[in-house]
Protein backbone atom coordinates (compact mmCIF):
# COMPACT_ATOMS: atom_id res chain seq x y z
CA MET A 1 25.00 4.40 13.49
CA GLN A 2 26.27 3.92 16.81
CA GLN A 3 26.74 0.15 17.79
CA GLY A 4 23.53 0.09 19.94
CA SER A 5 21.36 1.74 17.43
CA LEU A 6 22.78 -0.79 14.97
CA LYS A 7 22.26 -3.87 17.45
CA GLN A 8 18.48 -2.88 17.74
CA PHE A 9 18.23 -2.34 14.11
CA PHE A 10 19.05 -5.94 13.98
CA ASP A 11 17.21 -7.47 16.49
CA GLU A 12 13.83 -6.14 14.97
CA LEU A 13 15.07 -6.71 12.28
CA ASN A 14 15.17 -10.75 13.46
CA LEU A 15 11.82 -10.13 14.92
CA PHE A 16 10.57 -9.04 11.61
CA ALA A 17 11.86 -12.18 10.34
CA ASN A 18 10.27 -14.10 12.98
CA LYS A 19 6.81 -13.13 12.66
CA ILE A 20 6.87 -13.69 9.11
CA ASN A 21 7.30 -17.20 9.82
CA LYS A 22 4.56 -17.24 11.98
CA ASN A 23 2.28 -15.59 9.55
CA HIS A 24 3.27 -18.62 6.94
CA GLN A 25 2.58 -21.23 9.43
CA LYS A 26 -1.11 -19.25 10.10
CA GLU A 27 -1.32 -19.30 6.71
CA GLY A 28 -1.34 -22.86 6.07
CA GLU A 29 -3.07 -23.51 8.77
CA LEU A 30 -5.98 -21.52 7.53
CA LYS A 31 -6.26 -23.40 4.86
CA GLN A 32 -6.18 -26.11 6.37
CA LYS A 33 -9.74 -25.21 8.19
CA VAL A 34 -11.27 -23.61 5.09
CA GLU A 35 -11.37 -27.16 3.26
CA LYS A 36 -12.33 -28.96 6.82
CA ILE A 37 -15.05 -26.47 6.96
CA LYS A 38 -15.73 -27.01 3.17
CA LYS A 39 -16.04 -31.15 3.89
CA LEU A 40 -18.12 -30.99 6.81
CA LEU A 41 -20.53 -28.58 4.96
CA ASN A 42 -20.98 -30.32 2.29
CA ASN A 43 -21.42 -33.89 4.22
CA SER A 44 -23.85 -32.36 6.08
CA SER A 45 -26.12 -31.64 2.84
CA GLN A 46 -26.19 -34.94 1.92
CA PHE A 47 -29.88 -36.76 2.96
CA ASN A 48 -31.50 -39.65 1.85
CA ASN A 49 -34.11 -38.23 0.77
CA GLN A 50 -35.19 -41.48 -1.55
CA ALA A 51 -38.10 -41.72 0.75
CA LEU A 52 -39.23 -38.23 -0.06
CA THR A 53 -40.76 -37.32 -3.50
CA SER A 54 -40.09 -34.13 -5.39
CA LYS A 55 -42.58 -32.36 -3.91
CA HIS A 56 -41.68 -32.19 -0.27
CA LYS A 57 -40.66 -29.28 1.74
CA LEU A 58 -37.89 -31.28 2.99
CA THR A 59 -36.38 -31.66 -0.63
CA ALA A 60 -36.99 -28.07 -1.54
CA LEU A 61 -35.54 -27.10 1.57
CA ILE A 62 -32.36 -29.82 0.89
CA SER A 63 -31.79 -28.50 -2.56
CA GLU A 64 -31.92 -24.94 -1.49
CA LEU A 65 -29.46 -25.78 1.79
CA THR A 66 -27.33 -26.95 -1.48
CA ASN A 67 -27.31 -24.52 -3.58
CA SER A 68 -26.50 -21.94 -0.79
CA LEU A 69 -23.28 -24.50 0.17
CA ASN A 70 -22.11 -24.27 -3.62
CA VAL A 71 -22.01 -20.40 -3.92
CA LYS A 72 -20.71 -19.63 -0.39
CA PHE A 73 -17.82 -22.04 -2.10
CA THR A 74 -17.65 -20.31 -4.88
CA GLU A 75 -17.37 -16.77 -3.25
CA TRP A 76 -14.52 -18.24 -0.69
CA ASP A 77 -12.53 -19.53 -3.83
CA LYS A 78 -13.06 -16.37 -5.47
CA LYS A 79 -11.74 -14.47 -2.79
CA ILE A 80 -8.83 -16.62 -2.83
CA ALA A 81 -8.13 -16.34 -6.75
CA ALA A 82 -8.59 -12.53 -6.20
CA ALA A 83 -5.52 -12.38 -3.05
CA SER A 84 -3.10 -15.07 -5.19
CA PRO A 85 -1.34 -11.78 -6.98
CA MET A 86 -0.69 -10.34 -2.91
CA GLN A 87 0.33 -13.83 -1.76
CA ASN A 88 2.53 -14.00 -5.20
CA LEU A 89 4.31 -10.77 -4.17
CA LEU A 90 4.61 -11.88 -0.22
CA LYS A 91 6.13 -15.16 -0.89
CA THR A 92 9.03 -12.93 -3.74
CA PHE A 93 9.99 -10.67 -1.26
CA GLU A 94 9.62 -12.81 2.25
CA ASP A 95 12.81 -11.55 3.38
CA LYS A 96 12.19 -8.30 2.80
CA ILE A 97 10.93 -5.00 4.03
CA ILE A 98 7.43 -3.58 1.77
CA PHE A 99 6.84 -0.44 1.68
CA LEU A 100 3.72 1.00 0.18
CA VAL A 101 3.69 4.66 -1.49
CA PHE A 102 -0.10 5.41 -0.93
CA GLY A 103 -2.00 7.80 -1.94
CA LYS A 104 -4.58 9.93 -3.67
CA VAL A 105 -4.28 10.34 -7.74
CA ASN A 106 -1.58 13.36 -8.21
CA ALA A 107 0.32 13.73 -4.69
CA GLY A 108 3.68 12.87 -6.54
CA LYS A 109 3.79 8.93 -5.74
CA SER A 110 5.90 8.06 -8.65
CA SER A 111 8.20 11.27 -8.62
CA PHE A 112 9.13 10.21 -4.32
CA SER A 113 9.79 6.82 -5.57
CA ASN A 114 11.68 7.54 -8.45
CA GLN A 115 14.09 10.15 -5.25
CA VAL A 116 13.80 7.33 -3.48
CA VAL A 117 15.94 5.12 -5.91
CA ASP A 118 18.45 7.90 -7.05
CA LEU A 119 19.15 8.96 -2.96
CA TYR A 120 19.55 4.68 -2.77
CA ARG A 121 21.58 4.28 -6.11
CA SER A 122 23.49 6.93 -4.77
CA LEU A 123 24.19 5.64 -1.25
CA PHE A 124 25.05 2.19 -2.33
CA PRO A 125 26.35 2.02 -5.75
CA ASN A 126 26.79 -1.84 -6.06
CA ASP A 127 24.01 -2.73 -4.38
CA HIS A 128 21.36 -4.69 -6.93
CA ILE A 129 18.36 -2.26 -7.97
CA ARG A 130 15.08 -3.65 -9.97
CA ARG A 131 12.24 -2.22 -11.21
CA PHE A 132 9.23 -3.83 -12.13
CA VAL A 133 5.37 -4.22 -12.45
CA LEU A 134 2.68 -6.66 -11.68
CA LYS A 135 1.25 -8.22 -14.90
CA ASP A 136 -1.04 -11.65 -15.33
CA ASN A 137 -0.05 -12.54 -11.89
CA GLY A 138 3.73 -11.86 -11.56
CA LEU A 139 6.66 -9.89 -11.71
CA VAL A 140 7.92 -8.64 -14.77
CA THR A 141 11.10 -6.28 -14.78
CA ILE A 142 11.01 -2.59 -16.60
CA GLU A 143 13.97 -0.22 -17.52
CA GLY A 144 14.08 3.21 -16.92
CA ASN A 145 11.92 4.95 -14.34
CA PHE A 146 8.40 5.46 -13.31
CA ALA A 147 6.25 7.73 -15.48
CA GLU A 148 5.97 10.96 -13.87
CA GLY A 149 3.24 14.17 -14.26
CA PHE A 150 0.41 16.36 -13.49
CA THR A 151 -2.02 13.33 -14.32
CA GLU A 152 -2.54 10.31 -13.74
CA THR A 153 0.04 8.28 -14.78
CA THR A 154 -0.03 5.11 -12.40
CA ALA A 155 -2.34 2.15 -13.67
CA GLN A 156 -0.70 -0.69 -12.12
CA ILE A 157 0.99 -1.55 -9.12
CA GLN A 158 4.83 -1.01 -9.76
CA GLY A 159 7.82 -1.34 -7.28
CA VAL A 160 11.50 -1.40 -7.21
CA GLU A 161 13.44 -4.04 -5.20
CA LEU A 162 16.72 -1.90 -3.39
CA GLY A 163 19.06 -4.16 -2.46
CA LYS A 164 18.67 -7.07 0.20
CA CYS A 165 16.27 -5.51 2.62
CA PHE A 166 13.82 -3.52 1.34
CA VAL A 167 11.43 -3.19 -1.64
CA LEU A 168 9.10 0.47 -2.56
CA LEU A 169 5.41 0.04 -4.26
CA ASP A 170 4.34 2.31 -5.83
CA SER A 171 0.18 2.95 -6.06
CA PRO A 172 -2.29 3.96 -8.67
CA GLY A 173 -3.93 6.97 -6.67
CA LEU A 174 -7.09 6.79 -4.46
CA HIS A 175 -9.72 8.79 -6.40
CA SER A 176 -9.09 7.39 -9.21
CA THR A 177 -11.11 7.97 -12.89
CA GLU A 178 -10.72 4.42 -12.93
CA GLU A 179 -12.69 2.98 -10.01
CA LYS A 180 -10.12 -0.64 -10.65
CA ASN A 181 -7.06 1.43 -9.84
CA GLY A 182 -8.14 2.54 -6.67
CA ASN A 183 -9.50 -1.05 -5.21
CA LEU A 184 -5.87 -2.34 -7.08
CA THR A 185 -4.19 0.26 -4.59
CA LYS A 186 -6.04 -1.13 -1.75
CA GLN A 187 -5.75 -4.76 -2.01
CA PHE A 188 -1.77 -4.54 -1.61
CA VAL A 189 -1.93 -2.61 1.48
CA ASP A 190 -2.47 -6.06 3.30
CA SER A 191 0.93 -6.97 1.65
CA ALA A 192 3.09 -4.01 3.11
CA ASP A 193 4.63 -4.16 5.87
CA ALA A 194 4.16 -0.11 6.42
CA VAL A 195 2.85 2.54 4.74
CA LEU A 196 4.31 6.45 3.40
CA TRP A 197 1.19 7.98 2.63
CA LEU A 198 1.95 11.05 0.37
CA THR A 199 -0.91 13.96 0.29
CA PRO A 200 0.22 17.52 -1.35
CA SER A 201 1.14 20.71 0.29
CA SER A 202 -1.40 22.01 -1.54
CA SER A 203 -4.14 20.62 0.38
CA PRO A 204 -2.71 18.37 2.84
CA GLY A 205 -4.35 15.74 4.86
CA GLN A 206 -8.45 16.39 3.32
CA VAL A 207 -10.87 14.29 5.00
CA GLN A 208 -11.72 12.03 2.81
CA GLU A 209 -7.94 11.43 2.27
CA LEU A 210 -8.25 10.25 6.03
CA ASP A 211 -11.20 8.25 5.78
CA GLU A 212 -9.89 6.72 2.76
CA LEU A 213 -6.94 5.85 6.00
CA LYS A 214 -9.49 4.40 7.90
CA TYR A 215 -8.42 0.84 6.29
CA GLU A 216 -4.68 1.30 7.28
CA LEU A 217 -5.73 2.93 10.72
CA GLU A 218 -7.28 -0.98 11.11
CA LYS A 219 -4.48 -2.76 9.75
CA GLY A 220 -2.10 -1.39 12.47
CA LYS A 221 0.48 -1.18 9.99
CA PRO A 222 3.18 1.92 10.97
CA LEU A 223 2.23 5.32 8.59
CA LEU A 224 4.42 8.11 8.16
CA PRO A 225 2.78 11.12 6.53
CA ILE A 226 4.67 12.86 3.86
CA ILE A 227 3.63 15.96 2.49
CA THR A 228 5.01 16.59 -1.03
CA ARG A 229 5.23 19.38 -3.76
CA SER A 230 6.36 21.24 -0.24
CA ASP A 231 7.55 24.54 -2.31
CA GLU A 232 5.67 27.44 -4.13
CA THR A 233 6.38 29.76 -7.01
CA GLU A 234 7.59 33.32 -7.55
CA GLU A 235 8.57 35.87 -10.23
CA ASP A 236 11.42 38.01 -10.27
CA TYR A 237 13.38 39.53 -12.80
CA ASP A 238 16.00 38.48 -14.64
CA ASP A 239 18.50 40.57 -15.11
CA VAL A 240 20.51 38.39 -17.98
CA ALA A 241 17.48 37.67 -19.46
CA GLN A 242 15.85 41.28 -19.37
CA ASP A 243 12.69 39.19 -18.45
CA ILE A 244 9.97 38.36 -15.93
CA VAL A 245 11.36 34.64 -14.39
CA THR A 246 9.65 32.40 -12.30
CA ILE A 247 11.77 30.61 -9.72
CA VAL A 248 10.63 27.45 -7.82
CA LYS A 249 11.34 27.77 -3.80
CA ASP A 250 10.80 25.44 -1.08
CA LYS A 251 8.31 27.04 1.48
CA THR A 252 9.49 27.83 4.50
CA PRO A 253 10.05 26.47 7.21
CA LYS A 254 7.29 27.63 9.55
CA ASN A 255 4.85 27.18 6.97
CA ARG A 256 6.45 23.90 6.33
CA GLU A 257 5.70 23.76 10.01
CA LEU A 258 2.48 24.74 10.56
CA GLN A 259 0.99 22.35 7.86
CA GLU A 260 2.80 19.31 9.55
CA LYS A 261 1.82 19.86 13.11
CA ASP A 262 -2.00 20.67 11.34
CA VAL A 263 -2.11 17.06 9.31
CA TYR A 264 -0.97 15.46 12.25
CA LYS A 265 -3.37 16.28 14.96
CA ARG A 266 -5.86 15.51 12.40
CA LEU A 267 -4.59 12.07 11.34
CA LYS A 268 -4.55 11.31 15.44
CA GLN A 269 -8.19 12.47 15.88
CA LYS A 270 -8.93 10.21 13.14
CA GLN A 271 -7.10 7.67 14.64
CA LYS A 272 -8.76 7.77 18.25
CA LYS A 273 -12.10 8.26 16.65
CA GLU A 274 -11.47 4.74 14.71
CA GLY A 275 -10.27 3.33 17.48
CA ALA A 276 -6.98 1.84 16.32
CA ILE A 277 -3.96 1.24 17.47
CA LYS A 278 -1.64 2.47 15.08
CA GLU A 279 2.44 3.62 14.70
CA THR A 280 2.28 6.77 13.43
CA ARG A 281 5.10 9.10 13.16
CA GLU A 282 4.91 12.61 12.79
CA PRO A 283 4.86 14.07 9.35
CA ILE A 284 7.67 15.20 7.09
CA SER A 285 7.50 17.54 3.85
CA ILE A 286 9.33 17.31 0.67
CA SER A 287 10.00 19.16 -2.51
CA VAL A 288 11.00 16.36 -4.88
CA TYR A 289 10.99 19.67 -7.55
CA THR A 290 13.77 21.46 -5.69
CA PHE A 291 15.92 19.21 -4.25
CA LYS A 292 16.24 18.21 -8.09
CA SER A 293 17.19 21.30 -8.97
CA HIS A 294 19.65 22.07 -6.15
């Protein structure tokens, strides 16, 4: 890496750290405001109704107002409690950049995550690498690769800590057969600093997938589209085996280029339509299968 590029990287890293500190400050201020609003509303609902009978209209209105406020306070507390796993994750990795691997079921997210870990390990063999799952509002260390397959294999938020600077979150797929799994993925978008959007080359960037990105576009997080499983099968005769064999190879550069341009075009159209200012990278195409094979 050139000296200028290295300086730019660390300058950006310092800016990122400053933003994190400001966000922590805003979070504390927000909690104080919520408690202040609760106190003000609660005090405003306290009336001296000794002079009123139980059948008086004002008594009924006071009771209705008090009940409404209690319901609203309960809703607030539930939302805060539901956000606690994300908050705990952010506190644990507050000094790291978090990438969320995002996409529909069977987009190859776990395979991609495993391959990133293998590449990182080969480049930085002495760095700390730790896999984990989110369980009971905390992180539990696990051993071995994430499960891979053509069926839905991920039903929880799992991730890997890569050295001192990065965390990769592998999420359940959107359009999951279990609604709670898809909702879990959406919840953790707020925890990420950037999103790696994986879409399979068999049907990249479908309308339904783009619709699911609406929330991410509104959040303004950097987005890198990745077209996965960019390979195809061919049959050939093997002279040694004296039989027809199936060969998996990369899609042609032209085919990849066409898909990348098509996905990028529709993504930018979606971005413009939603009116969001978003930092979107041009898509790249990969095939974990052929990479491992070669």
